[in-house]
Protein backbone atom coordinates (compact mmCIF):
# COMPACT_ATOMS: atom_id res chain seq x y z
CA MET A 1 -7.39 -59.40 -4.64
CA THR A 2 -7.90 -61.67 -1.64
CA THR A 3 -8.82 -59.95 1.61
CA PRO A 4 -7.61 -61.23 5.00
CA LEU A 5 -11.20 -62.16 5.88
CA ALA A 6 -11.60 -64.17 2.68
CA THR A 7 -8.30 -65.93 3.34
CA ALA A 8 -9.27 -66.72 6.92
CA SER A 9 -12.71 -67.92 5.85
CA ARG A 10 -11.16 -70.70 3.77
CA LEU A 11 -9.88 -72.18 7.02
CA THR A 12 -13.21 -73.57 8.20
CA PRO A 13 -13.75 -74.87 11.74
CA LYS A 14 -13.67 -78.42 10.33
CA LYS A 15 -10.37 -77.86 8.51
CA LEU A 16 -8.67 -76.09 11.43
CA TYR A 17 -9.83 -78.70 13.93
CA ARG A 18 -8.69 -81.58 11.70
CA ILE A 19 -5.23 -80.08 11.11
CA VAL A 20 -4.57 -79.51 14.80
CA ALA A 21 -6.08 -82.88 15.87
CA ILE A 22 -3.78 -84.71 13.46
CA ALA A 23 -0.78 -82.61 14.55
CA GLU A 24 -1.56 -83.49 18.18
CA ALA A 25 -1.61 -87.20 17.34
CA ILE A 26 1.66 -86.93 15.41
CA THR A 27 3.35 -85.26 18.35
CA TRP A 28 2.29 -88.18 20.54
CA THR A 29 4.50 -90.28 18.27
CA LEU A 30 7.40 -87.89 18.87
CA LEU A 31 6.93 -88.06 22.62
CA ILE A 32 6.56 -91.85 22.72
CA THR A 33 9.62 -92.25 20.47
CA GLY A 34 11.55 -89.97 22.81
CA LEU A 35 10.51 -92.03 25.82
CA ILE A 36 11.63 -95.24 24.09
CA LEU A 37 14.98 -93.70 23.14
CA ARG A 38 15.52 -92.49 26.69
CA ALA A 39 14.67 -95.92 28.13
CA THR A 40 16.74 -97.93 25.64
CA ILE A 41 19.83 -95.85 24.88
CA GLY A 42 19.65 -93.12 27.52
CA LEU A 43 18.98 -90.32 25.04
CA ASP A 44 17.31 -87.85 27.42
CA ILE A 45 17.28 -85.04 24.86
CA ALA A 46 14.79 -87.03 22.76
CA VAL A 47 12.17 -86.66 25.51
CA THR A 48 13.01 -82.99 25.94
CA ILE A 49 12.53 -82.29 22.24
CA GLY A 50 9.55 -84.60 21.64
CA GLY A 51 7.92 -83.58 24.90
CA SER A 52 8.31 -79.87 24.21
CA ILE A 53 6.84 -80.13 20.73
CA HIS A 54 4.02 -82.32 22.01
CA GLY A 55 3.32 -79.99 24.94
CA PHE A 56 3.06 -76.94 22.71
CA VAL A 57 0.79 -78.68 20.17
CA PHE A 58 -1.25 -80.20 23.03
CA LEU A 59 -2.00 -76.68 24.30
CA ALA A 60 -2.73 -75.44 20.78
CA TYR A 61 -5.13 -78.35 20.30
CA GLY A 62 -6.90 -77.51 23.57
CA ALA A 63 -7.34 -73.89 22.45
CA THR A 64 -8.56 -75.02 19.03
CA ALA A 65 -11.01 -77.49 20.57
CA VAL A 66 -12.43 -74.77 22.82
CA LEU A 67 -12.74 -72.29 19.94
CA THR A 68 -14.38 -74.94 17.75
CA ALA A 69 -16.77 -75.98 20.54
CA ILE A 70 -17.84 -72.36 21.07
CA ASN A 71 -18.26 -71.66 17.36
CA GLN A 72 -20.14 -74.88 16.68
CA ARG A 73 -22.25 -74.41 19.83
CA TRP A 74 -21.35 -77.79 21.25
CA ASN A 75 -22.68 -78.46 24.72
CA PRO A 76 -20.03 -77.98 27.43
CA GLY A 77 -19.65 -81.72 27.98
CA LEU A 78 -18.76 -82.31 24.35
CA GLY A 79 -16.30 -79.44 24.43
CA VAL A 80 -14.61 -80.88 27.52
CA LEU A 81 -14.53 -84.32 25.88
CA ALA A 82 -12.82 -82.82 22.82
CA VAL A 83 -10.11 -81.32 25.05
CA VAL A 84 -9.75 -84.50 27.13
CA THR A 85 -9.10 -86.59 24.01
CA ALA A 86 -5.67 -84.98 23.83
CA ILE A 87 -4.70 -86.72 27.08
CA VAL A 88 -5.11 -90.20 25.57
CA PRO A 89 -2.54 -90.97 22.86
CA TYR A 90 -4.05 -90.66 19.38
CA ALA A 91 -7.62 -90.16 20.69
CA THR A 92 -8.02 -86.86 18.86
CA ILE A 93 -8.23 -88.77 15.58
CA PRO A 94 -11.27 -90.95 16.38
CA PHE A 95 -12.98 -87.95 17.99
CA ASP A 96 -12.35 -85.90 14.85
CA LEU A 97 -13.73 -88.71 12.67
CA TRP A 98 -16.82 -89.02 14.89
CA ALA A 99 -17.38 -85.24 14.93
CA HIS A 100 -17.05 -85.16 11.15
CA ARG A 101 -19.39 -88.13 10.63
CA THR A 102 -22.07 -86.70 12.94
CA GLY A 103 -21.93 -83.21 11.44
CA LYS A 104 -20.52 -81.56 14.57
CA LEU A 105 -17.91 -79.75 12.49
CA GLU A 106 -20.19 -78.55 9.69
CA GLY A 107 -20.62 -74.87 9.01
CA ASP A 108 -18.47 -71.81 8.76
CA TRP A 109 -17.28 -69.39 11.41
CA ARG A 110 -20.18 -67.53 13.03
CA ARG A 111 -19.24 -63.97 12.06
CA GLU A 112 -22.76 -62.57 11.68
CA ALA A 113 -25.64 -62.38 14.13
CA THR A 114 -28.70 -64.47 13.30
CA ASP A 115 -32.21 -64.66 14.74
CA ASP A 116 -30.94 -67.17 17.29
CA PRO A 117 -31.45 -65.60 20.76
CA ARG A 118 -28.00 -66.82 21.79
CA ASP A 119 -26.49 -64.36 19.31
CA GLN A 120 -27.62 -61.52 21.55
CA ARG A 121 -25.54 -62.66 24.54
CA TRP A 122 -22.40 -60.65 25.30
CA PHE A 123 -20.20 -63.71 24.94
CA ASP A 124 -21.50 -64.53 21.45
CA ARG A 125 -21.05 -60.91 20.40
CA LEU A 126 -17.46 -61.03 21.66
CA VAL A 127 -16.79 -64.30 19.80
CA ARG A 128 -18.23 -62.81 16.59
CA TRP A 129 -16.09 -59.70 16.99
CA MET A 130 -12.98 -61.86 17.50
CA LEU A 131 -13.85 -64.05 14.50
CA ASN A 132 -14.15 -60.91 12.41
CA HIS A 133 -10.60 -60.00 13.46
CA PRO A 134 -8.88 -63.34 12.70
CA TYR A 135 -5.29 -62.08 12.96
CA LEU A 136 -5.96 -60.58 16.37
CA LEU A 137 -7.74 -63.78 17.47
CA ALA A 138 -4.88 -65.97 16.23
CA SER A 139 -2.34 -63.69 17.93
CA LEU A 140 -4.18 -63.77 21.25
CA ILE A 141 -4.55 -67.56 21.15
CA LEU A 142 -0.88 -67.96 20.25
CA LEU A 143 0.11 -65.59 23.05
CA ALA A 144 -2.02 -67.52 25.56
CA VAL A 145 -0.51 -70.84 24.44
CA VAL A 146 3.04 -69.44 24.65
CA VAL A 147 2.45 -67.97 28.12
CA LEU A 148 0.90 -71.19 29.42
CA PHE A 149 3.66 -73.27 27.80
CA THR A 150 6.31 -71.06 29.43
CA VAL A 151 4.69 -71.31 32.85
CA LEU A 152 4.47 -75.09 32.52
CA LEU A 153 8.14 -75.28 31.49
CA ILE A 154 9.09 -73.29 34.57
CA LEU A 155 7.02 -75.65 36.76
CA GLY A 156 8.76 -78.67 35.25
CA PRO A 157 7.69 -81.92 33.60
CA PRO A 158 4.31 -83.39 34.47
CA VAL A 159 5.91 -86.65 35.64
CA PRO A 160 9.22 -86.44 37.46
CA LYS A 161 12.04 -88.48 35.96
CA ALA A 162 12.54 -91.74 37.87
């Protein structure tokens, strides 16, 4: 019998990051296609659909990049760079390839304390506790993305329509 922890452990930081980075790049294609359709044939709904999907996946990518950066103990600058790559169309792919090639994505989720002094900090204990409760962690991240997405929808598009 497979336990939830065993199932979650198969989704390594590298695999999760790669899936969401590729999804983010694909949704750029949806958004760009929508913009072209709006400009050429006046199909405004294409931007609404493509933009909504891209916006949601963009936020999910940002959350995944932050979680990965924390788990892999990237320095803050690298974590910020990972998030910023989502702003440039398709930039998540070369960043993912670089992170893979340089070993930045190697290793499993840090669920157990080690002799590393950083494992004694409250934040690392909290992260370990959350990683040991993957369904709760996934639910909280999804809830945060949905709330942020909803707030951003209420505020309106990032660039007003001309």
